[in-house]
Structure formats: structure tokens, C-alpha cells
Protein backbone atom coordinates (compact mmCIF):
# COMPACT_ATOMS: atom_id res chain seq x y z
CA MET A 1 34.24 -32.83 0.31
CA SER A 2 31.11 -32.99 2.46
CA VAL A 3 28.67 -30.15 3.08
CA LYS A 4 29.68 -30.09 6.73
CA THR A 5 33.32 -29.50 5.78
CA ILE A 6 32.41 -26.75 3.28
CA ASN A 7 30.26 -24.89 5.80
CA GLY A 8 32.87 -25.27 8.51
CA ASP A 9 35.73 -23.88 6.36
CA ALA A 10 36.17 -20.18 7.24
CA ALA A 11 38.25 -19.49 4.10
CA TRP A 12 35.44 -20.78 1.89
CA ARG A 13 32.93 -18.43 3.57
CA ARG A 14 35.30 -15.44 3.28
CA THR A 15 35.67 -16.01 -0.48
CA LEU A 16 32.09 -16.87 -1.34
CA ALA A 17 30.31 -14.13 0.61
CA PRO A 18 31.95 -11.20 -1.26
CA ALA A 19 31.49 -13.01 -4.59
CA LEU A 20 27.76 -13.52 -3.93
CA ALA A 21 27.35 -9.91 -2.79
CA PHE A 22 29.04 -8.70 -5.97
CA ALA A 23 26.90 -10.98 -8.17
CA PHE A 24 23.64 -9.89 -6.55
CA GLY A 25 24.65 -6.24 -6.67
CA THR A 26 25.68 -6.44 -10.32
CA PHE A 27 22.77 -8.41 -11.68
CA LEU A 28 19.98 -7.01 -9.50
CA SER A 29 20.96 -3.33 -9.45
CA PRO A 30 19.25 -2.47 -12.77
CA TYR A 31 16.03 -4.06 -11.47
CA LEU A 32 16.27 -2.33 -8.09
CA SER A 33 17.00 1.07 -9.59
CA ALA A 34 14.08 0.65 -12.00
CA GLN A 35 11.83 0.04 -8.99
CA ALA A 36 13.12 3.17 -7.31
CA THR A 37 11.46 5.41 -9.92
CA ASP A 38 8.25 3.41 -10.07
CA VAL A 39 6.40 4.91 -7.07
CA LYS A 40 5.67 8.63 -6.86
CA LEU A 41 4.17 10.72 -4.11
CA THR A 42 1.18 12.59 -5.55
CA THR A 43 -0.58 14.02 -2.48
CA LEU A 44 0.33 14.75 1.11
CA ARG A 45 -2.43 16.35 3.13
CA SER A 46 -3.41 16.85 6.77
CA PRO A 47 -7.20 16.75 6.65
CA THR A 48 -8.92 18.60 9.46
CA GLY A 49 -11.51 16.62 11.34
CA SER A 50 -13.18 13.49 10.06
CA LEU A 51 -12.87 11.68 6.73
CA PRO A 52 -15.88 10.17 4.94
CA PHE A 53 -15.73 6.62 3.62
CA SER A 54 -18.01 4.34 1.68
CA SER A 55 -17.71 0.77 0.46
CA PRO A 56 -20.69 -0.54 -1.50
CA ALA A 57 -19.00 -3.97 -1.65
CA LEU A 58 -19.02 -4.15 2.15
CA GLY A 59 -22.29 -2.26 2.58
CA VAL A 60 -20.70 0.29 4.90
CA LYS A 61 -20.34 4.05 4.92
CA GLY A 62 -19.61 6.67 7.50
CA THR A 63 -16.77 8.81 8.77
CA ILE A 64 -13.55 8.15 10.63
CA ARG A 65 -12.31 10.63 13.20
CA PRO A 66 -8.88 10.97 14.75
CA MET A 67 -8.66 10.36 18.49
CA PRO A 68 -8.44 13.51 20.65
CA GLY A 69 -4.95 15.03 20.38
CA ASP A 70 -4.26 13.17 17.11
CA ARG A 71 -4.60 14.09 13.45
CA PHE A 72 -4.86 12.24 10.16
CA GLU A 73 -2.26 12.34 7.41
CA LEU A 74 -3.40 11.37 3.93
CA VAL A 75 -0.59 10.10 1.72
CA VAL A 76 -1.35 9.26 -1.91
CA ILE A 77 1.16 7.43 -4.09
CA ALA A 78 0.97 6.42 -7.74
CA LEU A 79 2.44 3.21 -9.10
CA GLY A 80 4.12 3.19 -12.46
CA ASP A 81 4.26 -0.02 -14.48
CA LYS A 82 4.94 -2.38 -11.56
CA THR A 83 2.50 -4.15 -9.27
CA ILE A 84 2.71 -4.32 -5.49
CA ALA A 85 1.58 -7.30 -3.46
CA ALA A 86 2.43 -6.73 0.20
CA GLU A 87 1.26 -6.52 3.76
CA VAL A 88 -0.60 -3.21 4.23
CA ARG A 89 1.32 -2.49 7.46
CA GLN A 90 4.56 -2.43 5.43
CA PHE A 91 3.54 1.04 4.21
CA VAL A 92 4.99 2.77 7.27
CA LEU A 93 4.79 6.50 7.95
CA VAL A 94 7.92 7.64 9.78
CA SER A 95 7.90 10.82 11.88
CA ALA A 96 10.84 13.21 12.23
CA SER A 97 11.44 11.74 15.71
CA GLY A 98 11.72 8.24 14.20
CA LEU A 99 8.36 6.88 15.38
CA SER A 100 6.54 4.59 12.95
CA TYR A 101 2.83 4.54 12.17
CA ALA A 102 0.76 1.93 10.31
CA PRO A 103 -2.17 2.97 8.11
CA VAL A 104 -5.70 3.03 9.52
CA ALA A 105 -7.45 3.26 6.13
CA ILE A 106 -6.60 2.58 2.50
CA GLY A 107 -8.17 3.07 -0.90
CA GLY A 108 -7.69 3.84 -4.56
CA GLY A 109 -7.84 7.61 -3.98
CA PRO A 110 -8.52 10.23 -1.31
CA ASP A 111 -12.28 9.85 -1.80
CA LEU A 112 -12.19 6.02 -1.97
CA ILE A 113 -10.76 5.11 1.44
CA VAL A 114 -11.99 2.23 3.58
CA PRO A 115 -10.99 1.83 7.25
CA LEU A 116 -8.92 -1.32 7.67
CA ASP A 117 -11.12 -2.36 10.60
CA CYS A 118 -14.08 -2.68 8.19
CA VAL A 119 -12.50 -5.45 6.09
CA PRO A 120 -13.78 -8.83 7.38
CA LEU A 121 -11.52 -11.85 7.81
CA GLY A 122 -11.08 -13.82 4.60
CA LEU A 123 -12.82 -11.23 2.42
CA GLU A 124 -11.14 -9.44 -0.46
CA VAL A 125 -12.35 -5.92 -1.21
CA GLY A 126 -11.52 -4.58 -4.65
CA GLN A 127 -11.75 -1.21 -6.34
CA ILE A 128 -11.68 -0.62 -10.07
CA LEU A 129 -10.30 2.87 -10.48
CA PRO A 130 -11.15 5.41 -13.20
CA SER A 131 -7.86 4.44 -14.90
CA GLU A 132 -9.26 0.85 -15.03
CA ALA A 133 -6.44 -0.28 -12.73
CA ILE A 134 -7.40 -2.60 -9.87
CA LEU A 135 -6.63 -2.30 -6.16
CA SER A 136 -7.65 -5.04 -3.76
CA VAL A 137 -7.22 -5.55 -0.03
CA LYS A 138 -7.74 -8.87 1.75
CA ARG A 139 -7.76 -9.56 5.48
CA VAL A 140 -5.77 -12.77 5.99
CA SER A 141 -5.79 -12.75 9.83
CA ALA A 142 -7.00 -10.57 12.68
CA THR A 143 -3.90 -8.39 12.34
CA SER A 144 -2.84 -8.86 8.71
CA LEU A 145 -4.18 -7.34 5.49
CA ARG A 146 -2.64 -7.86 2.06
CA ILE A 147 -2.77 -5.33 -0.73
CA ASP A 148 -2.58 -6.23 -4.40
CA ALA A 149 -2.16 -3.10 -6.50
CA ARG A 150 -1.80 -3.43 -10.25
CA ALA A 151 0.30 -1.17 -12.45
CA GLY A 152 -1.09 2.34 -12.77
CA VAL A 153 -2.93 2.25 -9.43
CA THR A 154 -3.18 5.19 -7.06
CA ILE A 155 -3.01 4.17 -3.40
CA ALA A 156 -4.35 6.49 -0.69
CA LEU A 157 -3.17 5.69 2.83
CA VAL A 158 -4.54 7.34 5.97
CA TYR A 159 -2.41 7.49 9.11
CA GLN A 160 -3.26 8.68 12.61
CA LEU A 161 -0.50 10.37 14.58
CA PRO A 162 -0.15 12.91 17.39
CA GLU A 163 -0.83 16.57 16.52
CA GLY A 164 2.75 17.75 17.04
CA ASP A 165 4.61 15.04 15.10
CA ARG A 166 6.37 16.20 11.94
CA LEU A 167 6.67 13.80 9.00
CA ARG A 168 9.93 12.43 7.66
CA SER A 169 9.15 9.68 5.15
CA LEU A 170 6.90 6.93 3.88
CA LYS A 171 8.64 3.58 4.02
CA LEU A 172 7.53 1.27 1.21
CA PRO A 173 7.29 -2.55 1.41
CA ASP A 174 10.58 -2.93 -0.50
CA GLY A 175 12.41 -0.84 2.12
CA ARG A 176 12.76 2.37 0.10
CA GLU A 177 11.64 5.63 1.69
CA LEU A 178 9.84 8.54 0.02
CA ASP A 179 10.78 11.87 1.59
CA LEU A 180 7.78 13.67 3.15
CA GLU A 181 9.49 16.50 5.02
CA ARG A 182 7.75 19.80 4.50
């Protein structure tokens, strides 16, 4: 039987699709559920005004301020024994109205943030945290930054959103959502 005949046979697709779904669900569910407990929300704060930043590696320091009518939300998560390697914009803050916001700054803790605009193209900025865990961010294009966070890392993410928006959740790169409703 040729590949063309197999792909064209509707009965074959009806039998194989449920079998594959069952196999993936059965064999991957322990791994997926283990991931679900691996990231914990440690801090959720609405800082008033500006936030200081400093990056000796980049030779920059200063403050970031929200635009008029906006506010910052500082979300800090702690990784367990897994690493995360993902696009920074995949850490999405979701408001109660369903609007999504990408981070404007990231770091290994609330006092270690670096605005994403400060990371030059092609450069990797790393932080060795007090726990000796490593967090690094690399700009791979004008609009894309990758984060590599080792096990035990704390990740601080800063979001800018309108004053009146209430928070619903933080969507993680693997699709899970951490509840942020207050």
C-alpha cells in the first residue's frame, strides 16, 4: 500500500488519530503534570511610579516609567527543578477582560530587572543569582528575545498595562496559566 493510499483512506485516519491521542495522553501525562507543579508565583506587586534598573554587563542603569495612564505589574515566579528555554514574549500577562500584555523588563529578581529594549541584537545578558542559578536573555532579532532559565531560578517580569485593568493570569510558554486574580 502506498503512502498516498494510506493518507487518502478516511477509515485509517479515524482509527489512528484516537490511538495516537490516547498514546500521547497516557505516556506524556506524568511529564506534563510534573511540569504543572514546577513553577510557582512568589510575588505579585503593582509598583507605584518608576522602577530602577542596572546592568553592569551592559553598562546601563536608570529607571523605567510607565506611560501616562498606565501602571507596571511586577510578577515574580520561581522555577523548581526544570529549566525554561523560551521566547520572552511567551510569558503573557492576561487581564480580566482577556487582553494580553508582553513583558517590558525581565530579571532574576525584583531588584535585578533589565528593560528588554536595552538588550542589543546578538548579545546574551546573564545573571548569576544568589542561589547560584543562572538566568540569561539573548536578543535574536529586533523583536525576539530568548530566555534560558536554569532550575532554581527566580524570574521577575515587568508588564505595562492601563491603570484600570484587573489581572487574570500569567500564561507560561508551555500554555499553562497561573491565576493572578486578587
